[in-house]
Amino acid sequence: MYLHLGQNVVVPKSGIIGIFDLDNCTSSRISREFLASAEKRGEVVDISGELPRVFAVYDDGEEERIYLSQISSSTLMKRWDAGSTDAFGPD
């Protein structure tokens, strides 16, 4: 199964560790440090095309990425729960 994160980026759901709302998480020092550290390592991929709303932590054992997406966490979770390989929806 796959999850469409936006901007033509689709990743296997099995690699998604978590989806986090940026408004809620960036108020935490630990979250800010986590994102800054990932940025320094070159693991952050901004697919938002605008102001990001969420970050998705992805690790498939070979690749670790933090995807910044403009799609809301509630929309991504609806796509997740749809259980379809075609969990595409309007961005």
N, C-alpha and C. Protein backbone atom coordinates (compact mmCIF):
# COMPACT_ATOMS: atom_id res chain seq x y z
N MET A 1 0.84 -1.17 0.00
CA MET A 1 0.00 0.00 0.00
C MET A 1 0.89 1.24 0.00
N TYR A 2 0.38 2.30 -0.60
CA TYR A 2 1.12 3.54 -0.75
C TYR A 2 0.32 4.71 -0.22
N LEU A 3 1.04 5.78 0.11
CA LEU A 3 0.40 7.00 0.58
C LEU A 3 0.90 8.17 -0.25
N HIS A 4 -0.03 8.93 -0.82
CA HIS A 4 0.29 10.12 -1.60
C HIS A 4 0.47 11.28 -0.63
N LEU A 5 1.70 11.82 -0.57
CA LEU A 5 2.01 12.91 0.36
C LEU A 5 1.84 14.29 -0.25
N GLY A 6 1.62 14.35 -1.56
CA GLY A 6 1.47 15.62 -2.25
C GLY A 6 2.56 15.81 -3.29
N GLN A 7 2.31 16.72 -4.24
CA GLN A 7 3.28 17.07 -5.27
C GLN A 7 3.86 15.84 -5.97
N ASN A 8 3.03 14.90 -6.30
CA ASN A 8 3.42 13.68 -7.02
C ASN A 8 4.41 12.80 -6.25
N VAL A 9 4.41 12.89 -4.95
CA VAL A 9 5.27 12.04 -4.12
C VAL A 9 4.40 10.98 -3.45
N VAL A 10 4.74 9.72 -3.74
CA VAL A 10 4.03 8.58 -3.19
C VAL A 10 5.07 7.69 -2.53
N VAL A 11 4.79 7.28 -1.29
CA VAL A 11 5.73 6.41 -0.56
C VAL A 11 4.99 5.19 -0.03
N PRO A 12 5.71 4.09 0.14
CA PRO A 12 5.08 2.91 0.75
C PRO A 12 4.65 3.21 2.19
N LYS A 13 3.44 2.83 2.52
CA LYS A 13 2.93 3.06 3.88
C LYS A 13 3.76 2.33 4.93
N SER A 14 4.37 1.23 4.54
CA SER A 14 5.16 0.45 5.50
C SER A 14 6.37 1.21 6.02
N GLY A 15 6.81 2.25 5.30
CA GLY A 15 7.97 3.03 5.73
C GLY A 15 7.60 4.25 6.56
N ILE A 16 6.32 4.59 6.63
CA ILE A 16 5.90 5.77 7.38
C ILE A 16 5.95 5.46 8.88
N ILE A 17 6.73 6.25 9.59
CA ILE A 17 6.83 6.10 11.05
C ILE A 17 5.80 6.98 11.74
N GLY A 18 5.57 8.16 11.19
CA GLY A 18 4.59 9.05 11.80
C GLY A 18 4.30 10.25 10.92
N ILE A 19 3.14 10.83 11.14
CA ILE A 19 2.73 12.06 10.46
C ILE A 19 2.40 13.06 11.54
N PHE A 20 3.06 14.22 11.48
CA PHE A 20 2.98 15.19 12.57
C PHE A 20 2.58 16.56 12.06
N ASP A 21 1.66 17.19 12.76
CA ASP A 21 1.21 18.54 12.45
C ASP A 21 2.28 19.53 12.87
N LEU A 22 2.76 20.36 11.94
CA LEU A 22 3.83 21.29 12.24
C LEU A 22 3.43 22.35 13.27
N ASP A 23 2.18 22.81 13.23
CA ASP A 23 1.74 23.81 14.20
C ASP A 23 1.85 23.30 15.63
N ASN A 24 1.50 22.05 15.83
CA ASN A 24 1.55 21.47 17.18
C ASN A 24 2.96 21.05 17.59
N CYS A 25 3.71 20.48 16.66
CA CYS A 25 5.01 19.90 17.01
C CYS A 25 6.13 20.91 17.13
N THR A 26 6.09 21.98 16.36
CA THR A 26 7.21 22.91 16.39
C THR A 26 7.23 23.78 17.63
N SER A 27 6.21 23.68 18.45
CA SER A 27 6.25 24.39 19.73
C SER A 27 7.14 23.63 20.72
N SER A 28 7.46 22.39 20.41
CA SER A 28 8.31 21.57 21.26
C SER A 28 9.78 21.74 20.85
N ARG A 29 10.64 21.99 21.80
CA ARG A 29 12.07 22.14 21.56
C ARG A 29 12.64 20.88 20.94
N ILE A 30 12.21 19.73 21.43
CA ILE A 30 12.71 18.45 20.93
C ILE A 30 12.36 18.28 19.45
N SER A 31 11.14 18.63 19.08
CA SER A 31 10.74 18.51 17.67
C SER A 31 11.54 19.45 16.79
N ARG A 32 11.76 20.68 17.26
CA ARG A 32 12.56 21.63 16.48
C ARG A 32 13.99 21.13 16.31
N GLU A 33 14.56 20.57 17.37
CA GLU A 33 15.92 20.02 17.29
C GLU A 33 15.97 18.82 16.35
N PHE A 34 14.95 17.97 16.39
CA PHE A 34 14.88 16.81 15.50
C PHE A 34 14.86 17.25 14.04
N LEU A 35 14.01 18.22 13.72
CA LEU A 35 13.91 18.71 12.34
C LEU A 35 15.20 19.41 11.90
N ALA A 36 15.80 20.20 12.79
CA ALA A 36 17.06 20.88 12.46
C ALA A 36 18.17 19.88 12.20
N SER A 37 18.24 18.84 13.00
CA SER A 37 19.26 17.81 12.83
C SER A 37 19.06 17.06 11.51
N ALA A 38 17.82 16.73 11.19
CA ALA A 38 17.53 16.04 9.93
C ALA A 38 17.87 16.95 8.74
N GLU A 39 17.62 18.23 8.88
CA GLU A 39 17.95 19.20 7.83
C GLU A 39 19.46 19.22 7.59
N LYS A 40 20.23 19.23 8.65
CA LYS A 40 21.70 19.24 8.53
C LYS A 40 22.22 17.98 7.85
N ARG A 41 21.56 16.85 8.08
CA ARG A 41 21.96 15.58 7.46
C ARG A 41 21.44 15.44 6.03
N GLY A 42 20.65 16.41 5.58
CA GLY A 42 20.12 16.37 4.22
C GLY A 42 18.96 15.41 4.05
N GLU A 43 18.26 15.12 5.13
CA GLU A 43 17.16 14.16 5.09
C GLU A 43 15.79 14.80 4.91
N VAL A 44 15.72 16.13 4.90
CA VAL A 44 14.43 16.81 4.77
C VAL A 44 14.15 17.09 3.30
N VAL A 45 12.96 16.68 2.87
CA VAL A 45 12.52 16.90 1.49
C VAL A 45 11.24 17.74 1.56
N ASP A 46 11.34 18.96 1.05
CA ASP A 46 10.18 19.87 1.07
C ASP A 46 9.38 19.67 -0.21
N ILE A 47 8.24 19.01 -0.07
CA ILE A 47 7.35 18.78 -1.21
C ILE A 47 6.10 19.66 -1.11
N SER A 48 6.15 20.64 -0.21
CA SER A 48 4.95 21.43 0.04
C SER A 48 4.61 22.38 -1.10
N GLY A 49 5.63 22.95 -1.74
CA GLY A 49 5.34 23.91 -2.79
C GLY A 49 4.82 25.22 -2.22
N GLU A 50 4.62 25.26 -0.95
CA GLU A 50 4.14 26.45 -0.24
C GLU A 50 4.44 26.25 1.24
N LEU A 51 3.67 26.85 2.10
CA LEU A 51 3.88 26.70 3.53
C LEU A 51 3.50 25.29 3.97
N PRO A 52 4.47 24.51 4.50
CA PRO A 52 4.16 23.13 4.91
C PRO A 52 3.24 23.10 6.13
N ARG A 53 2.39 22.08 6.17
CA ARG A 53 1.47 21.91 7.29
C ARG A 53 1.84 20.71 8.16
N VAL A 54 2.51 19.72 7.55
CA VAL A 54 2.87 18.51 8.29
C VAL A 54 4.27 18.06 7.91
N PHE A 55 4.81 17.19 8.75
CA PHE A 55 6.00 16.45 8.33
C PHE A 55 5.74 14.98 8.57
N ALA A 56 6.18 14.18 7.60
CA ALA A 56 6.03 12.74 7.68
C ALA A 56 7.43 12.13 7.81
N VAL A 57 7.60 11.31 8.82
CA VAL A 57 8.88 10.63 9.04
C VAL A 57 8.82 9.30 8.32
N TYR A 58 9.80 9.07 7.45
CA TYR A 58 9.83 7.88 6.60
C TYR A 58 11.16 7.16 6.78
N ASP A 59 11.11 5.86 6.98
CA ASP A 59 12.32 5.03 7.08
C ASP A 59 11.96 3.63 6.62
N ASP A 60 12.56 3.22 5.51
CA ASP A 60 12.29 1.88 4.99
C ASP A 60 13.45 0.93 5.24
N GLY A 61 14.39 1.32 6.10
CA GLY A 61 15.55 0.49 6.38
C GLY A 61 16.74 0.85 5.52
N GLU A 62 16.50 1.45 4.38
CA GLU A 62 17.57 1.89 3.49
C GLU A 62 17.62 3.41 3.38
N GLU A 63 16.48 4.02 3.45
CA GLU A 63 16.36 5.46 3.24
C GLU A 63 15.59 6.08 4.41
N GLU A 64 16.14 7.17 4.94
CA GLU A 64 15.45 7.93 5.98
C GLU A 64 15.18 9.32 5.43
N ARG A 65 13.92 9.74 5.51
CA ARG A 65 13.53 11.05 4.99
C ARG A 65 12.48 11.67 5.90
N ILE A 66 12.48 12.98 5.90
CA ILE A 66 11.42 13.76 6.52
C ILE A 66 10.78 14.54 5.38
N TYR A 67 9.53 14.24 5.09
CA TYR A 67 8.81 14.93 4.03
C TYR A 67 7.98 16.05 4.62
N LEU A 68 8.15 17.28 4.12
CA LEU A 68 7.31 18.41 4.50
C LEU A 68 6.22 18.53 3.44
N SER A 69 4.97 18.49 3.87
CA SER A 69 3.85 18.48 2.94
C SER A 69 2.85 19.58 3.27
N GLN A 70 2.16 20.07 2.24
CA GLN A 70 1.12 21.08 2.42
C GLN A 70 -0.22 20.46 2.77
N ILE A 71 -0.31 19.14 2.70
CA ILE A 71 -1.58 18.45 2.96
C ILE A 71 -1.76 18.29 4.47
N SER A 72 -2.94 18.56 4.95
CA SER A 72 -3.19 18.50 6.40
C SER A 72 -3.05 17.08 6.93
N SER A 73 -2.74 16.99 8.20
CA SER A 73 -2.59 15.67 8.83
C SER A 73 -3.90 14.90 8.79
N SER A 74 -5.03 15.60 8.93
CA SER A 74 -6.31 14.89 8.89
C SER A 74 -6.59 14.31 7.51
N THR A 75 -6.22 15.02 6.45
CA THR A 75 -6.40 14.50 5.10
C THR A 75 -5.49 13.31 4.85
N LEU A 76 -4.23 13.40 5.30
CA LEU A 76 -3.31 12.27 5.13
C LEU A 76 -3.79 11.05 5.90
N MET A 77 -4.34 11.27 7.07
CA MET A 77 -4.85 10.13 7.85
C MET A 77 -6.08 9.52 7.19
N LYS A 78 -6.92 10.33 6.55
CA LYS A 78 -8.06 9.78 5.81
C LYS A 78 -7.56 8.92 4.65
N ARG A 79 -6.53 9.40 3.98
CA ARG A 79 -5.95 8.61 2.89
C ARG A 79 -5.37 7.31 3.43
N TRP A 80 -4.72 7.41 4.58
CA TRP A 80 -4.14 6.23 5.22
C TRP A 80 -5.23 5.21 5.53
N ASP A 81 -6.31 5.69 6.14
CA ASP A 81 -7.40 4.80 6.55
C ASP A 81 -8.19 4.24 5.37
N ALA A 82 -8.09 4.89 4.21
CA ALA A 82 -8.82 4.42 3.04
C ALA A 82 -8.37 3.02 2.66
N GLY A 83 -7.11 2.67 3.00
CA GLY A 83 -6.62 1.33 2.76
C GLY A 83 -6.48 0.98 1.30
N SER A 84 -6.47 1.96 0.46
CA SER A 84 -6.38 1.73 -0.97
C SER A 84 -4.97 2.03 -1.47
N THR A 85 -4.56 1.33 -2.51
CA THR A 85 -3.29 1.65 -3.15
C THR A 85 -3.44 2.94 -3.95
N ASP A 86 -4.66 3.40 -4.16
CA ASP A 86 -4.92 4.64 -4.85
C ASP A 86 -5.44 5.69 -3.88
N ALA A 87 -4.74 5.92 -2.81
CA ALA A 87 -5.18 6.89 -1.82
C ALA A 87 -4.79 8.30 -2.25
N PHE A 88 -5.15 8.62 -3.49
CA PHE A 88 -4.87 9.95 -4.03
C PHE A 88 -6.11 10.80 -3.86
N GLY A 89 -5.88 12.05 -3.58
CA GLY A 89 -7.00 12.96 -3.44
C GLY A 89 -6.55 14.34 -3.82
N PRO A 90 -7.42 15.31 -3.78
CA PRO A 90 -7.01 16.66 -4.14
C PRO A 90 -6.02 17.21 -3.13
N ASP A 91 -5.02 17.91 -3.63
CA ASP A 91 -4.00 18.48 -2.75
C ASP A 91 -4.49 19.76 -2.13
